[in-house]
Amino acid sequence: PEQAVPEFEELIALTPEQEADFLKFFRTGRNTHIPDYQRIYSYLSRNFSDTRFIHSTIPASRVIETHTGNCMSLALVTAAYAGLAGVEVGWQLANTDPVYSSEGSVIYSANHIQTRLYEAAWRTHGNSFSIARDYLLLDYFSDRLPSQGTELEQHQVEALVYQNLGVEALADGRLERSFWLLRAGLQHDPRNPNLYNALGVVHRRAGAADSAERLYRFALDRFGDNLLILRNYRSLLQAQQRRGEVEAVERRILALPDPDPYPVIMLGDEALDNGRPDRALAYYEKARKVAPYLHEIYWKMARAHLELGNHRRAELALEKARENAMVDRDRQLYQAKLHALANAR
C-alpha cells in the first residue's frame, strides 16, 4: 500500500518559536551591520557548535530541538534559516573520497555535502569581465579545510535527502517505508544511480530477486560501473550460485579505482577466524590506509594483536578506535575494553 512521505518543504519547516528566535537575532542588535549571509553563519556558529553526530537524517526542527543529526540534517537547518532571511543557498558535494561506515548489515557510502550561502550583490573581478558573488562555504562535522566540490541542483539535493531517509529505513528493516522514500527520491532525480541500487536491495530483501537484478543491471547499463551496485549484484549472483557471472562481476570490481575498505576488512576477518592473525593484520593495515577514520578497523587490529600477544599494540589500537568512534555507545564500549585490557595485564 502507498505510504505518504514528507514533502521537502516539511523537512525544512521550523516551529514558530524557532523562527522567532532566529529572526530576533537576524533583525536586531549589533548583527544588523554585517551582510545577511554572514549573519546566518554567526547564528549557526553560536547555536550549533555542540551538535552531536548521528547517522539519522532528521528534519530541521528536530535538529534544533535535539542538537543531533548528520551533515544533511544540518544542511536542512541552513536551508530553513536561509529561506527566512531571503538568502540564496547552494549545495556541493566535496571532492573527497567517500566516507564509508557500517550499521548492522548496511554499509553506507556517505559523500560529504557542503552548503553555500551567497551574498546578495554581484561583483566584477579585476579588469576581467567575470561577474560572481561571494559566498560562505559551510562544512559540517569536518576538520578538513574547505574543498572544491561538484555543484548540485536543488532537485538533486532533495533526492539525496530521500535517499538518506530510504537507506536509514532499510537499515531498520522497514522495507515498505524504504521503498516509498526511495521512490520519492527518484521522482526528484531519476539520474541518481544510488537510488536504483538501494531499491534493488529493498526488492531483494522482500524476496523479489528478479526485479532486484533488473534494477542493478539497469543502473549499471545506464550509468556505468559503480562499486556499491556491483557489490550488491555480486551478492545476489553468489546466492544463486551463478559462479561464472560472479567471477565476471569481481573482475569489474577489481578494475575500479574507487577505494572501498570493507572487502579488505572481510578478508582480514576470514584470516583471523582461520587462526592467521598476522595475515589479518596485513589486511587491516591495507584497509586502514584507505579509511583511517573507521573505528572498527582499529578494534579488529586490537583483536589480532591480542592473538599475537602484543598487548601494548592492542591497547594503542583500542585508543585509536575510541578516538575515531562518532557514537557515544561505541566510545563507551572501547573505553570498557581498554579498562578490561589494563586489568588483565
Protein backbone atom coordinates (compact mmCIF):
# COMPACT_ATOMS: atom_id res chain seq x y z
CA PRO A 1 0.00 0.00 0.00
CA GLU A 2 1.14 3.51 -0.76
CA GLN A 3 2.67 5.43 2.13
CA ALA A 4 2.78 9.20 2.39
CA VAL A 5 6.26 10.69 2.56
CA PRO A 6 7.02 14.22 3.81
CA GLU A 7 7.42 17.00 1.28
CA PHE A 8 10.83 18.65 1.21
CA GLU A 9 9.25 21.87 2.50
CA GLU A 10 8.06 19.96 5.58
CA LEU A 11 11.62 18.80 6.28
CA ILE A 12 12.90 22.39 6.44
CA ALA A 13 9.88 23.82 8.28
CA LEU A 14 10.56 25.36 11.70
CA THR A 15 8.30 25.89 14.68
CA PRO A 16 7.04 29.44 15.33
CA GLU A 17 9.34 29.65 18.36
CA GLN A 18 12.39 28.58 16.32
CA GLU A 19 11.58 31.12 13.61
CA ALA A 20 11.12 33.90 16.18
CA ASP A 21 14.44 33.14 17.90
CA PHE A 22 16.34 33.26 14.61
CA LEU A 23 14.62 36.41 13.32
CA LYS A 24 15.23 38.23 16.62
CA PHE A 25 18.96 37.56 16.21
CA PHE A 26 18.88 38.33 12.50
CA ARG A 27 16.99 41.63 12.63
CA THR A 28 18.14 43.30 15.83
CA GLY A 29 21.21 44.45 17.71
CA ARG A 30 24.76 44.60 16.51
CA ASN A 31 24.25 41.79 13.99
CA THR A 32 22.43 44.03 11.53
CA HIS A 33 25.60 45.74 10.31
CA ILE A 34 27.06 42.55 8.80
CA PRO A 35 25.84 41.04 5.49
CA ASP A 36 22.82 38.76 5.64
CA TYR A 37 24.66 35.61 4.63
CA GLN A 38 27.31 36.17 7.30
CA ARG A 39 24.63 36.68 9.94
CA ILE A 40 23.28 33.18 9.26
CA TYR A 41 26.77 31.77 9.72
CA SER A 42 27.14 33.66 13.01
CA TYR A 43 23.84 32.25 14.28
CA LEU A 44 24.77 28.70 13.29
CA SER A 45 28.19 29.02 14.92
CA ARG A 46 26.68 30.32 18.13
CA ASN A 47 23.93 27.71 18.41
CA PHE A 48 25.18 24.50 16.80
CA SER A 49 28.84 24.10 17.67
CA ASP A 50 27.92 21.31 20.09
CA THR A 51 25.77 19.30 17.67
CA ARG A 52 26.29 15.56 18.15
CA PHE A 53 26.70 13.40 15.07
CA ILE A 54 24.24 10.55 14.49
CA HIS A 55 23.63 8.60 11.28
CA SER A 56 19.99 9.69 11.08
CA THR A 57 18.75 12.36 8.69
CA ILE A 58 16.18 14.30 10.69
CA PRO A 59 14.03 17.38 9.92
CA ALA A 60 15.41 20.82 10.64
CA SER A 61 13.10 21.49 13.59
CA ARG A 62 14.21 18.30 15.37
CA VAL A 63 17.89 19.11 14.78
CA ILE A 64 17.33 22.42 16.56
CA GLU A 65 15.48 20.71 19.43
CA THR A 66 17.94 17.86 19.97
CA HIS A 67 21.26 19.24 18.65
CA THR A 68 21.80 15.92 16.86
CA GLY A 69 21.93 14.90 13.21
CA ASN A 70 24.25 14.29 10.29
CA CYS A 71 25.66 16.75 7.75
CA MET A 72 22.48 16.51 5.64
CA SER A 73 20.38 17.33 8.71
CA LEU A 74 22.41 20.49 9.34
CA ALA A 75 22.16 21.39 5.66
CA LEU A 76 18.37 21.30 6.10
CA VAL A 77 18.68 23.68 9.08
CA THR A 78 20.82 26.05 7.00
CA ALA A 79 18.28 25.98 4.17
CA ALA A 80 15.49 26.75 6.65
CA TYR A 81 17.28 29.81 8.05
CA ALA A 82 18.32 30.98 4.59
CA GLY A 83 14.69 30.85 3.49
CA LEU A 84 13.62 33.01 6.42
CA ALA A 85 16.40 35.52 5.73
CA GLY A 86 15.89 35.64 1.97
CA VAL A 87 19.46 34.45 1.36
CA GLU A 88 20.18 32.26 -1.64
CA VAL A 89 21.56 28.86 -0.77
CA GLY A 90 23.60 26.47 -2.92
CA TRP A 91 24.97 22.97 -2.46
CA GLN A 92 28.01 20.98 -3.38
CA LEU A 93 29.47 17.53 -2.87
CA ALA A 94 33.02 17.81 -1.58
CA ASN A 95 35.66 16.43 -3.92
CA THR A 96 36.93 13.92 -1.38
CA ASP A 97 36.87 10.16 -1.18
CA PRO A 98 33.53 8.76 0.05
CA VAL A 99 33.34 8.11 3.77
CA TYR A 100 32.34 4.51 4.44
CA SER A 101 30.68 3.27 7.62
CA SER A 102 28.61 0.28 8.62
CA GLU A 103 25.44 -0.05 10.68
CA GLY A 104 24.30 -3.61 11.12
CA SER A 105 24.05 -5.24 7.70
CA VAL A 106 24.02 -1.96 5.76
CA ILE A 107 27.20 -0.30 4.51
CA TYR A 108 26.90 3.45 3.99
CA SER A 109 28.90 5.37 1.43
CA ALA A 110 28.47 8.95 2.55
CA ASN A 111 29.55 11.70 0.20
CA HIS A 112 30.25 14.87 2.14
CA ILE A 113 27.69 17.60 1.46
CA GLN A 114 28.50 21.27 1.94
CA THR A 115 26.24 24.33 1.82
CA ARG A 116 26.89 27.70 0.19
CA LEU A 117 25.37 30.93 1.49
CA TYR A 118 25.54 33.63 -1.20
CA GLU A 119 26.00 37.36 -0.81
CA ALA A 120 23.18 39.33 -2.37
CA ALA A 121 25.38 41.61 -4.52
CA TRP A 122 27.16 40.58 -7.70
CA ARG A 123 30.74 41.77 -8.15
CA THR A 124 33.11 42.32 -11.05
CA HIS A 125 36.61 40.95 -10.56
CA GLY A 126 39.68 42.93 -11.61
CA ASN A 127 39.88 44.10 -15.19
CA SER A 128 38.14 41.00 -16.49
CA PHE A 129 34.52 40.70 -17.46
CA SER A 130 33.81 37.89 -14.98
CA ILE A 131 30.91 38.55 -12.63
CA ALA A 132 30.47 36.49 -9.47
CA ARG A 133 29.19 36.61 -5.92
CA ASP A 134 30.99 35.94 -2.71
CA TYR A 135 29.69 33.07 -0.64
CA LEU A 136 30.40 31.27 2.60
CA LEU A 137 31.03 27.53 2.38
CA LEU A 138 29.64 25.70 5.40
CA ASP A 139 31.21 22.34 6.22
CA TYR A 140 29.69 20.17 8.93
CA PHE A 141 31.48 17.54 11.03
CA SER A 142 34.79 18.03 9.28
CA ASP A 143 38.23 19.12 10.43
CA ARG A 144 39.43 19.43 6.86
CA LEU A 145 39.96 22.70 5.06
CA PRO A 146 37.07 23.64 2.77
CA SER A 147 37.45 21.97 -0.59
CA GLN A 148 36.23 22.39 -4.10
CA GLY A 149 33.17 20.37 -4.91
CA THR A 150 30.61 19.42 -7.51
CA GLU A 151 27.70 21.83 -7.58
CA LEU A 152 24.28 20.31 -7.04
CA GLU A 153 20.92 21.50 -8.26
CA GLN A 154 18.04 21.79 -5.80
CA HIS A 155 16.30 18.68 -7.16
CA GLN A 156 19.48 16.64 -6.71
CA VAL A 157 19.78 17.67 -3.07
CA GLU A 158 16.14 16.82 -2.46
CA ALA A 159 16.73 13.37 -3.96
CA LEU A 160 19.75 12.87 -1.69
CA VAL A 161 17.62 13.66 1.36
CA TYR A 162 15.11 10.96 0.38
CA GLN A 163 17.98 8.61 -0.43
CA ASN A 164 19.32 9.07 3.10
CA LEU A 165 15.90 8.54 4.65
CA GLY A 166 15.27 5.48 2.49
CA VAL A 167 18.57 3.82 3.36
CA GLU A 168 18.03 4.53 7.05
CA ALA A 169 14.60 2.88 6.87
CA LEU A 170 16.23 -0.06 5.07
CA ALA A 171 18.80 -0.42 7.85
CA ASP A 172 15.91 -0.58 10.34
CA GLY A 173 14.19 -3.33 8.33
CA ARG A 174 11.26 -1.10 7.29
CA LEU A 175 11.19 -2.25 3.67
CA GLU A 176 7.87 -0.71 2.65
CA ARG A 177 8.80 2.65 4.13
CA SER A 178 12.18 2.48 2.42
CA PHE A 179 10.53 1.71 -0.93
CA TRP A 180 8.31 4.79 -0.86
CA LEU A 181 11.08 7.12 0.32
CA LEU A 182 13.46 5.92 -2.41
CA ARG A 183 10.70 6.19 -4.98
CA ALA A 184 10.18 9.81 -3.90
CA GLY A 185 13.89 10.36 -4.43
CA LEU A 186 13.66 9.09 -8.00
CA GLN A 187 10.82 11.49 -8.70
CA HIS A 188 13.22 14.32 -7.85
CA ASP A 189 16.29 12.91 -9.62
CA PRO A 190 15.88 9.87 -11.91
CA ARG A 191 19.57 10.12 -12.83
CA ASN A 192 20.82 9.14 -9.35
CA PRO A 193 22.23 5.59 -9.66
CA ASN A 194 22.36 5.05 -5.90
CA LEU A 195 18.58 5.23 -5.68
CA TYR A 196 18.23 2.29 -8.10
CA ASN A 197 20.86 0.42 -6.09
CA ALA A 198 19.01 0.92 -2.80
CA LEU A 199 15.71 -0.04 -4.41
CA GLY A 200 17.40 -3.22 -5.65
CA VAL A 201 18.37 -4.07 -2.08
CA VAL A 202 14.78 -3.45 -0.93
CA HIS A 203 13.42 -5.76 -3.64
CA ARG A 204 15.92 -8.49 -2.84
CA ARG A 205 15.18 -8.38 0.89
CA ALA A 206 11.49 -8.55 0.08
CA GLY A 207 12.14 -11.79 -1.84
CA ALA A 208 11.91 -10.28 -5.33
CA ALA A 209 15.35 -11.27 -6.65
CA ASP A 210 14.36 -10.96 -10.32
CA SER A 211 13.28 -7.32 -10.03
CA ALA A 212 16.31 -6.59 -7.84
CA GLU A 213 18.58 -7.88 -10.59
CA ARG A 214 16.77 -5.78 -13.19
CA LEU A 215 17.32 -2.67 -11.07
CA TYR A 216 21.04 -3.42 -10.65
CA ARG A 217 21.53 -4.16 -14.34
CA PHE A 218 19.59 -1.08 -15.41
CA ALA A 219 21.69 1.19 -13.20
CA LEU A 220 24.96 -0.37 -14.39
CA ASP A 221 23.95 -0.20 -18.06
CA ARG A 222 22.67 3.36 -17.77
CA PHE A 223 25.30 4.96 -15.53
CA GLY A 224 28.36 2.72 -15.76
CA ASP A 225 30.14 0.56 -13.18
CA ASN A 226 29.54 1.62 -9.60
CA LEU A 227 31.22 -0.09 -6.67
CA LEU A 228 28.21 -0.39 -4.37
CA ILE A 229 25.90 -1.61 -7.13
CA LEU A 230 28.44 -4.18 -8.33
CA ARG A 231 28.92 -5.48 -4.80
CA ASN A 232 25.18 -5.92 -4.29
CA TYR A 233 24.82 -7.53 -7.71
CA ARG A 234 27.70 -9.89 -6.87
CA SER A 235 25.97 -10.86 -3.62
CA LEU A 236 22.77 -11.71 -5.49
CA LEU A 237 24.66 -13.81 -8.04
CA GLN A 238 26.53 -15.65 -5.28
CA ALA A 239 23.29 -16.53 -3.53
CA GLN A 240 22.05 -18.05 -6.81
CA GLN A 241 25.38 -19.90 -7.31
CA ARG A 242 25.96 -18.30 -10.71
CA ARG A 243 29.72 -18.70 -10.39
CA GLY A 244 30.74 -17.61 -13.88
CA GLU A 245 28.80 -14.36 -13.59
CA VAL A 246 30.21 -13.82 -10.09
CA GLU A 247 33.75 -14.01 -11.45
CA ALA A 248 32.90 -11.57 -14.23
CA VAL A 249 31.49 -9.05 -11.73
CA GLU A 250 34.54 -9.47 -9.47
CA ARG A 251 36.80 -8.59 -12.38
CA ARG A 252 34.78 -5.42 -12.91
CA ILE A 253 35.10 -4.59 -9.20
CA LEU A 254 38.88 -5.08 -9.21
CA ALA A 255 39.19 -2.80 -12.23
CA LEU A 256 37.51 0.09 -10.41
CA PRO A 257 39.73 2.81 -8.90
CA ASP A 258 37.26 3.54 -6.09
CA PRO A 259 38.75 2.59 -2.70
CA ASP A 260 36.37 0.51 -0.57
CA PRO A 261 37.81 -0.78 2.72
CA TYR A 262 35.11 -3.31 3.51
CA PRO A 263 36.07 -6.16 1.15
CA VAL A 264 39.62 -5.95 2.56
CA ILE A 265 38.27 -5.93 6.12
CA MET A 266 36.25 -9.05 5.34
CA LEU A 267 39.39 -10.79 4.10
CA GLY A 268 41.06 -9.83 7.38
CA ASP A 269 38.14 -11.25 9.34
CA GLU A 270 38.38 -14.53 7.44
CA ALA A 271 42.13 -14.72 8.15
CA LEU A 272 41.56 -14.04 11.86
CA ASP A 273 38.82 -16.67 12.07
CA ASN A 274 41.21 -19.15 10.42
CA GLY A 275 43.92 -18.58 13.03
CA ARG A 276 46.15 -16.29 10.94
CA PRO A 277 46.31 -13.02 12.93
CA ASP A 278 49.49 -11.87 11.17
CA ARG A 279 47.80 -12.11 7.77
CA ALA A 280 44.69 -10.45 9.24
CA LEU A 281 46.82 -7.50 10.39
CA ALA A 282 48.19 -7.08 6.88
CA TYR A 283 44.64 -6.83 5.50
CA TYR A 284 43.51 -4.46 8.26
CA GLU A 285 46.51 -2.22 7.66
CA LYS A 286 45.63 -2.02 3.98
CA ALA A 287 42.05 -1.08 4.89
CA ARG A 288 43.34 1.50 7.39
CA LYS A 289 45.30 3.29 4.66
CA VAL A 290 42.09 3.61 2.64
CA ALA A 291 39.81 4.62 5.53
CA PRO A 292 41.80 5.73 8.60
CA TYR A 293 38.63 7.21 10.13
CA LEU A 294 36.89 3.81 10.58
CA HIS A 295 36.87 2.95 14.26
CA GLU A 296 36.09 -0.74 13.69
CA ILE A 297 39.36 -1.28 11.80
CA TYR A 298 41.34 -0.40 14.93
CA TRP A 299 39.15 -2.68 17.06
CA LYS A 300 39.84 -5.55 14.68
CA MET A 301 43.56 -4.74 14.72
CA ALA A 302 43.46 -4.85 18.52
CA ARG A 303 41.94 -8.35 18.39
CA ALA A 304 44.67 -9.54 16.04
CA HIS A 305 47.40 -8.03 18.23
CA LEU A 306 45.94 -9.82 21.25
CA GLU A 307 46.03 -13.11 19.35
CA LEU A 308 49.74 -12.47 18.77
CA GLY A 309 50.32 -11.49 22.41
CA ASN A 310 51.05 -7.83 21.58
CA HIS A 311 49.16 -6.24 24.49
CA ARG A 312 50.67 -2.77 24.14
CA ARG A 313 49.87 -2.60 20.43
CA ALA A 314 46.35 -3.83 21.16
CA GLU A 315 45.96 -1.04 23.70
CA LEU A 316 47.14 1.60 21.22
CA ALA A 317 44.75 0.27 18.58
CA LEU A 318 41.83 0.41 21.04
CA GLU A 319 42.71 4.01 21.88
CA LYS A 320 42.55 4.87 18.17
CA ALA A 321 39.21 3.07 17.90
CA ARG A 322 37.85 5.18 20.77
CA GLU A 323 39.18 8.40 19.22
CA ASN A 324 37.56 7.66 15.85
CA ALA A 325 34.19 6.46 17.15
CA MET A 326 31.48 9.04 16.43
CA VAL A 327 28.72 7.44 18.51
CA ASP A 328 28.77 7.56 22.32
CA ARG A 329 27.94 3.88 22.77
CA ASP A 330 30.97 2.88 20.66
CA ARG A 331 33.28 5.18 22.62
CA GLN A 332 31.97 3.73 25.88
CA LEU A 333 32.46 0.17 24.56
CA TYR A 334 36.10 0.82 23.64
CA GLN A 335 36.73 2.51 26.98
CA ALA A 336 35.39 -0.57 28.75
CA LYS A 337 37.63 -2.84 26.66
CA LEU A 338 40.64 -0.66 27.46
CA HIS A 339 39.82 -0.95 31.15
CA ALA A 340 39.47 -4.74 30.89
CA LEU A 341 42.76 -4.99 28.98
CA ALA A 342 44.57 -2.93 31.63
CA ASN A 343 43.24 -5.18 34.39
CA ALA A 344 44.29 -8.32 32.50
CA ARG A 345 47.95 -7.30 32.28
